[in-house]
Amino acid sequence: MVLPDPGARFTATAVRLATVALDHPMEGWLSFLARLASAQRQALDAVSAIEGASSATIDQAVEAGMPPYAADGHRRDPAWRTALASILDEIEARPLPTQAREVIARLRTAEATAIEAFAERFLHGDVQVEEAGEALYVAAALQVYFSTLAARLPAGKLQLLQQPGLCPCCGSTPSVGLVTATGKTPGIRYLYCSLCSTAWVHVRATCITCEDTRTVALEGIEGDTGLVRAETCNACHTYSKLIYQKQDMQADPYADDLASLGIDILVAEAGWSRHAPNPLLLVA
C-alpha cells in the first residue's frame, strides 16, 4: 500500500495534463484540468491544519475491517469548504466561459448546509448530469481533503478491505490501475483511489468488480502506443482502465485516465460499463 503525498500528487497530475494536452483532440479541456490540478495543489494550505482521527479510532476501524476515513460516513472538517473556495479563486482568476462562471457563482452563493448536502450526495453517487459543473469543483476539493487525511495514516497498521476493489483508507472506488515498470517486482498492478489518492496492489487479470478471472480480456485502440488499455469482464460486463508504465515512464494515473476518454467511449459502445465513474468526468 502506498499512501499519498498530496503535494507531489497534484503537481504531477497538473504537469502531465499540461503535457498531454498539446495537440490532443481535447486540448482545451485537458488544459483546464491541468489548471484545476494546480489549483488543488494550492488549496492544500486550506486543510493543512485539520486534525486526523485518533490512533484508537484508526485501530478500531482496521480491526473491524473498515476504512479509517469511510467517505460515505466520515464527519468532514469544514476546512474542506475553504479548500473549495481556494480552488474557485484560482480557476476564476483566468478567462472562463460564461456558463463556467455561472457554476462558480452558484457555488459561492450557496449556504454551507447546501454545499455539505451536495457533498453527501456526491459521495453516495447521487449527482445528476445537470449538476456535473458543481460536482467537478466539489470533487476536486474533496480530493484535496481526503488525500490530506490519508497521507497522515500509519501505513503499517492498514489492511486491505475484504472487497479488494475498494480503497483501504476511505472505501472509495479506484479511478484506474497502473502496471509498474520499476521497483523490486515490476509488473505489479496498483489501483489508485479516485478520492484520497491511496494506491494498493490488486492481482492482475482479475476483475476488480466481481473478481472473475475466466472472462477477463484487454481492449485498446488499434495503432496507439498501448499506454492505456481497458480490462473488460464478461462475467459482470464492467471494465477498468490499466496504464502501462513501461510505455511511458512519465505516465500519471489520474492525468492519463482523463486523457484517454476515447477508450471509455470505445468499450462503452461495445457494451461494457465502467467499474466506477471518474469523479472529474462522471463517466459511468
Protein backbone atom coordinates (compact mmCIF):
# COMPACT_ATOMS: atom_id res chain seq x y z
CA MET A 1 0.00 0.00 0.00
CA VAL A 2 1.28 3.45 -0.88
CA LEU A 3 -0.15 6.46 0.96
CA PRO A 4 -0.34 9.70 -1.00
CA ASP A 5 1.98 12.67 -0.97
CA PRO A 6 -0.71 15.27 -1.80
CA GLY A 7 1.67 18.00 -2.95
CA ALA A 8 3.53 15.66 -5.29
CA ARG A 9 0.31 14.01 -6.44
CA PHE A 10 -1.45 17.20 -7.61
CA THR A 11 1.73 18.72 -9.02
CA ALA A 12 2.47 15.61 -11.08
CA THR A 13 -1.08 15.49 -12.41
CA ALA A 14 -1.01 19.17 -13.37
CA VAL A 15 2.31 18.81 -15.21
CA ARG A 16 1.24 15.65 -17.02
CA LEU A 17 -2.12 17.11 -18.07
CA ALA A 18 -0.42 20.20 -19.48
CA THR A 19 1.93 17.93 -21.43
CA VAL A 20 -0.62 15.52 -22.87
CA ALA A 21 -2.98 18.38 -23.75
CA LEU A 22 -0.66 19.55 -26.52
CA ASP A 23 -2.16 18.61 -29.91
CA HIS A 24 -4.76 16.44 -28.16
CA PRO A 25 -8.34 16.44 -29.55
CA MET A 26 -9.48 17.58 -26.09
CA GLU A 27 -6.67 20.12 -25.67
CA GLY A 28 -8.87 22.86 -24.20
CA TRP A 29 -10.49 20.58 -21.64
CA LEU A 30 -7.25 18.91 -20.58
CA SER A 31 -5.54 22.30 -20.24
CA PHE A 32 -8.38 23.39 -17.98
CA LEU A 33 -7.99 20.24 -15.89
CA ALA A 34 -4.26 20.99 -15.60
CA ARG A 35 -5.24 24.35 -14.10
CA LEU A 36 -7.67 22.57 -11.78
CA ALA A 37 -4.95 20.18 -10.54
CA SER A 38 -2.65 23.16 -9.96
CA ALA A 39 -5.47 24.85 -8.01
CA GLN A 40 -5.81 21.68 -5.92
CA ARG A 41 -2.12 21.90 -5.09
CA GLN A 42 -2.60 25.48 -3.90
CA ALA A 43 -5.68 24.50 -1.89
CA LEU A 44 -3.67 22.11 0.28
CA ASP A 45 -2.83 25.06 2.53
CA ALA A 46 -6.51 25.34 3.45
CA VAL A 47 -6.55 21.87 5.01
CA SER A 48 -3.03 21.71 6.40
CA ALA A 49 -4.18 22.24 10.00
CA ILE A 50 -7.03 19.70 10.11
CA GLU A 51 -6.83 17.04 12.80
CA GLY A 52 -6.95 13.41 11.79
CA ALA A 53 -8.60 10.54 13.60
CA SER A 54 -7.08 9.35 16.86
CA SER A 55 -4.85 6.30 16.94
CA ALA A 56 -7.55 4.41 18.84
CA THR A 57 -10.19 5.26 16.23
CA ILE A 58 -7.91 4.12 13.42
CA ASP A 59 -7.13 0.86 15.22
CA GLN A 60 -10.80 0.22 15.82
CA ALA A 61 -11.67 0.74 12.15
CA VAL A 62 -8.86 -1.53 10.94
CA GLU A 63 -9.82 -4.28 13.39
CA ALA A 64 -13.39 -4.12 12.12
CA GLY A 65 -12.24 -4.34 8.51
CA MET A 66 -13.42 -0.80 7.79
CA PRO A 67 -11.61 2.13 6.15
CA PRO A 68 -10.48 4.70 8.77
CA TYR A 69 -12.00 7.57 6.75
CA ALA A 70 -15.06 5.98 5.17
CA ALA A 71 -16.09 8.60 2.62
CA ASP A 72 -19.79 7.94 3.00
CA GLY A 73 -19.75 8.21 6.79
CA HIS A 74 -16.82 10.41 7.79
CA ARG A 75 -17.69 13.65 9.56
CA ARG A 76 -15.82 16.22 7.48
CA ASP A 77 -13.92 19.17 8.87
CA PRO A 78 -15.37 22.45 7.48
CA ALA A 79 -11.89 23.26 6.19
CA TRP A 80 -12.70 21.29 3.05
CA ARG A 81 -15.06 24.10 2.06
CA THR A 82 -12.19 26.55 2.45
CA ALA A 83 -10.26 24.37 0.02
CA LEU A 84 -13.24 24.57 -2.33
CA ALA A 85 -13.21 28.38 -2.11
CA SER A 86 -9.47 28.41 -2.81
CA ILE A 87 -9.95 26.26 -5.91
CA LEU A 88 -12.72 28.55 -7.17
CA ASP A 89 -10.50 31.59 -6.62
CA GLU A 90 -7.67 30.08 -8.67
CA ILE A 91 -9.94 28.98 -11.51
CA GLU A 92 -11.88 32.23 -11.68
CA ALA A 93 -8.67 34.26 -11.91
CA ARG A 94 -8.31 33.16 -15.55
CA PRO A 95 -10.68 33.64 -18.52
CA LEU A 96 -13.70 31.33 -18.40
CA PRO A 97 -16.84 30.79 -20.50
CA THR A 98 -19.99 32.41 -19.15
CA GLN A 99 -21.54 29.06 -18.25
CA ALA A 100 -18.49 28.10 -16.17
CA ARG A 101 -18.64 31.41 -14.28
CA GLU A 102 -22.32 30.80 -13.57
CA VAL A 103 -21.45 27.42 -11.99
CA ILE A 104 -18.85 29.08 -9.76
CA ALA A 105 -21.30 31.83 -8.83
CA ARG A 106 -23.87 29.26 -7.72
CA LEU A 107 -21.33 27.54 -5.51
CA ARG A 108 -20.17 30.82 -4.00
CA THR A 109 -23.68 31.89 -3.06
CA ALA A 110 -24.83 28.52 -1.73
CA GLU A 111 -25.26 28.10 2.01
CA ALA A 112 -22.79 25.90 3.86
CA THR A 113 -25.55 23.40 4.60
CA ALA A 114 -26.38 23.16 0.91
CA ILE A 115 -22.73 22.58 -0.01
CA GLU A 116 -22.45 19.86 2.63
CA ALA A 117 -25.63 18.22 1.40
CA PHE A 118 -24.31 18.28 -2.16
CA ALA A 119 -21.05 16.70 -0.98
CA GLU A 120 -23.00 13.95 0.75
CA ARG A 121 -24.97 13.22 -2.41
CA PHE A 122 -21.76 13.19 -4.45
CA LEU A 123 -20.07 10.75 -2.09
CA HIS A 124 -23.13 8.49 -2.26
CA GLY A 125 -23.17 8.60 -6.08
CA ASP A 126 -26.35 10.67 -6.27
CA VAL A 127 -25.37 13.52 -8.60
CA GLN A 128 -27.41 14.30 -11.69
CA VAL A 129 -25.93 15.05 -15.11
CA GLU A 130 -27.10 18.67 -14.94
CA GLU A 131 -25.08 19.09 -11.74
CA ALA A 132 -21.81 18.00 -13.33
CA GLY A 133 -20.38 21.51 -13.24
CA GLU A 134 -20.80 21.90 -9.49
CA ALA A 135 -19.71 18.29 -8.93
CA LEU A 136 -16.40 18.94 -10.69
CA TYR A 137 -15.30 21.54 -8.12
CA VAL A 138 -16.78 19.76 -5.11
CA ALA A 139 -14.99 16.56 -6.16
CA ALA A 140 -11.72 18.45 -6.58
CA ALA A 141 -11.99 19.92 -3.08
CA LEU A 142 -12.90 16.57 -1.54
CA GLN A 143 -9.87 15.00 -3.23
CA VAL A 144 -7.67 17.63 -1.56
CA TYR A 145 -9.27 16.97 1.81
CA PHE A 146 -9.26 13.17 1.79
CA SER A 147 -5.76 12.96 0.29
CA THR A 148 -4.50 15.08 3.19
CA LEU A 149 -6.14 12.78 5.72
CA ALA A 150 -4.90 9.60 4.04
CA ALA A 151 -1.34 10.91 3.94
CA ARG A 152 -1.28 11.05 7.75
CA LEU A 153 -2.42 7.48 8.35
CA PRO A 154 0.03 4.93 9.80
CA ALA A 155 0.70 2.78 6.74
CA GLY A 156 1.97 -0.13 8.82
CA LYS A 157 -1.37 -0.54 10.56
CA LEU A 158 -3.60 -0.51 7.49
CA GLN A 159 -5.01 -3.60 5.82
CA LEU A 160 -6.77 -4.30 2.55
CA LEU A 161 -10.54 -4.49 2.80
CA GLN A 162 -12.50 -7.68 2.30
CA GLN A 163 -13.57 -6.24 -1.05
CA PRO A 164 -10.14 -5.64 -2.64
CA GLY A 165 -11.52 -3.29 -5.29
CA LEU A 166 -12.20 -0.58 -2.69
CA CYS A 167 -9.72 1.82 -1.11
CA PRO A 168 -8.44 0.65 2.30
CA CYS A 169 -8.25 4.24 3.55
CA CYS A 170 -11.59 5.76 2.51
CA GLY A 171 -13.57 2.93 0.92
CA SER A 172 -13.91 4.68 -2.44
CA THR A 173 -13.55 3.08 -5.84
CA PRO A 174 -10.32 3.39 -7.82
CA SER A 175 -10.08 5.63 -10.84
CA VAL A 176 -7.58 3.46 -12.69
CA GLY A 177 -4.87 0.87 -12.31
CA LEU A 178 -1.18 1.30 -13.13
CA VAL A 179 1.12 -1.59 -14.03
CA THR A 180 4.61 -0.76 -12.78
CA ALA A 181 7.79 -0.97 -14.81
CA THR A 182 10.25 -0.39 -11.95
CA GLY A 183 10.82 -1.44 -8.36
CA LYS A 184 11.69 -4.79 -6.82
CA THR A 185 8.85 -6.57 -8.62
CA PRO A 186 7.92 -4.74 -11.85
CA GLY A 187 4.63 -5.70 -13.43
CA ILE A 188 2.50 -5.25 -10.31
CA ARG A 189 -0.88 -3.57 -10.70
CA TYR A 190 -1.63 -0.75 -8.28
CA LEU A 191 -5.16 0.63 -8.04
CA TYR A 192 -5.37 4.39 -7.41
CA CYS A 193 -8.17 5.72 -5.26
CA SER A 194 -10.37 8.27 -7.01
CA LEU A 195 -10.83 10.24 -3.79
CA CYS A 196 -7.85 10.04 -1.42
CA SER A 197 -5.10 9.07 -3.91
CA THR A 198 -4.00 5.98 -1.95
CA ALA A 199 -2.59 3.15 -4.08
CA TRP A 200 -2.84 -0.56 -3.28
CA VAL A 201 -1.92 -3.81 -5.01
CA HIS A 202 -4.56 -5.82 -6.85
CA VAL A 203 -3.93 -9.10 -8.66
CA ARG A 204 -3.72 -8.69 -12.43
CA ALA A 205 -6.10 -10.44 -14.82
CA THR A 206 -8.74 -10.38 -12.09
CA CYS A 207 -11.86 -8.24 -12.43
CA ILE A 208 -11.83 -5.52 -9.78
CA THR A 209 -15.64 -5.51 -9.72
CA CYS A 210 -16.54 -9.20 -9.34
CA GLU A 211 -13.10 -10.87 -9.05
CA ASP A 212 -13.75 -13.13 -12.04
CA THR A 213 -10.63 -14.47 -13.76
CA ARG A 214 -12.10 -16.54 -16.60
CA THR A 215 -13.57 -13.91 -18.90
CA VAL A 216 -11.16 -11.00 -18.39
CA ALA A 217 -9.65 -9.52 -21.56
CA LEU A 218 -7.78 -6.39 -22.63
CA GLU A 219 -9.17 -3.93 -25.14
CA GLY A 220 -7.48 -0.93 -26.71
CA ILE A 221 -7.42 1.40 -29.67
CA GLU A 222 -5.69 -0.20 -32.63
CA GLY A 223 -2.47 1.51 -33.62
CA ASP A 224 -1.95 3.56 -30.46
CA THR A 225 1.04 3.32 -28.12
CA GLY A 226 -0.58 0.81 -25.77
CA LEU A 227 -0.16 3.13 -22.81
CA VAL A 228 -3.80 2.71 -21.72
CA ARG A 229 -5.93 -0.41 -22.05
CA ALA A 230 -9.37 -1.40 -20.80
CA GLU A 231 -9.63 -4.63 -18.80
CA THR A 232 -13.09 -5.96 -19.61
CA CYS A 233 -15.03 -8.65 -17.79
CA ASN A 234 -17.78 -10.63 -19.48
CA ALA A 235 -18.97 -12.02 -16.15
CA CYS A 236 -20.25 -8.67 -14.84
CA HIS A 237 -19.95 -6.63 -18.07
CA THR A 238 -17.77 -3.95 -16.50
CA TYR A 239 -14.32 -2.65 -17.34
CA SER A 240 -11.49 -0.83 -15.62
CA LYS A 241 -8.57 1.00 -17.17
CA LEU A 242 -4.92 -0.01 -16.94
CA ILE A 243 -1.95 2.27 -17.58
CA TYR A 244 1.30 0.55 -18.55
CA GLN A 245 4.21 2.48 -17.11
CA LYS A 246 6.71 0.76 -19.41
CA GLN A 247 5.14 2.59 -22.35
CA ASP A 248 5.83 5.99 -20.78
CA MET A 249 7.71 6.46 -17.53
CA GLN A 250 6.10 9.90 -17.14
CA ALA A 251 2.59 8.42 -17.07
CA ASP A 252 0.33 9.67 -14.29
CA PRO A 253 -2.67 7.53 -13.29
CA TYR A 254 -5.00 10.49 -12.90
CA ALA A 255 -3.92 12.56 -15.90
CA ASP A 256 -3.71 9.64 -18.33
CA ASP A 257 -7.12 8.38 -17.28
CA LEU A 258 -8.61 11.76 -18.18
CA ALA A 259 -6.67 11.93 -21.45
CA SER A 260 -7.84 8.51 -22.64
CA LEU A 261 -11.57 9.15 -22.84
CA GLY A 262 -11.54 7.59 -26.32
CA ILE A 263 -11.07 4.15 -24.78
CA ASP A 264 -14.03 4.72 -22.45
CA ILE A 265 -16.17 5.54 -25.48
CA LEU A 266 -14.89 2.52 -27.41
CA VAL A 267 -15.64 -0.08 -24.74
CA ALA A 268 -18.91 1.58 -23.71
CA GLU A 269 -20.15 1.30 -27.29
CA ALA A 270 -19.20 -2.39 -27.17
CA GLY A 271 -21.47 -2.94 -24.17
CA TRP A 272 -19.29 -2.66 -21.06
CA SER A 273 -19.91 -0.25 -18.18
CA ARG A 274 -17.07 1.44 -16.33
CA HIS A 275 -16.32 -0.09 -12.92
CA ALA A 276 -16.84 3.31 -11.32
CA PRO A 277 -17.10 6.88 -12.59
CA ASN A 278 -14.13 9.22 -12.66
CA PRO A 279 -15.19 11.95 -10.21
CA LEU A 280 -13.92 14.69 -12.53
CA LEU A 281 -15.82 13.33 -15.52
CA LEU A 282 -18.81 11.48 -14.09
CA VAL A 283 -18.32 8.81 -16.74
CA ALA A 284 -20.42 5.86 -15.64
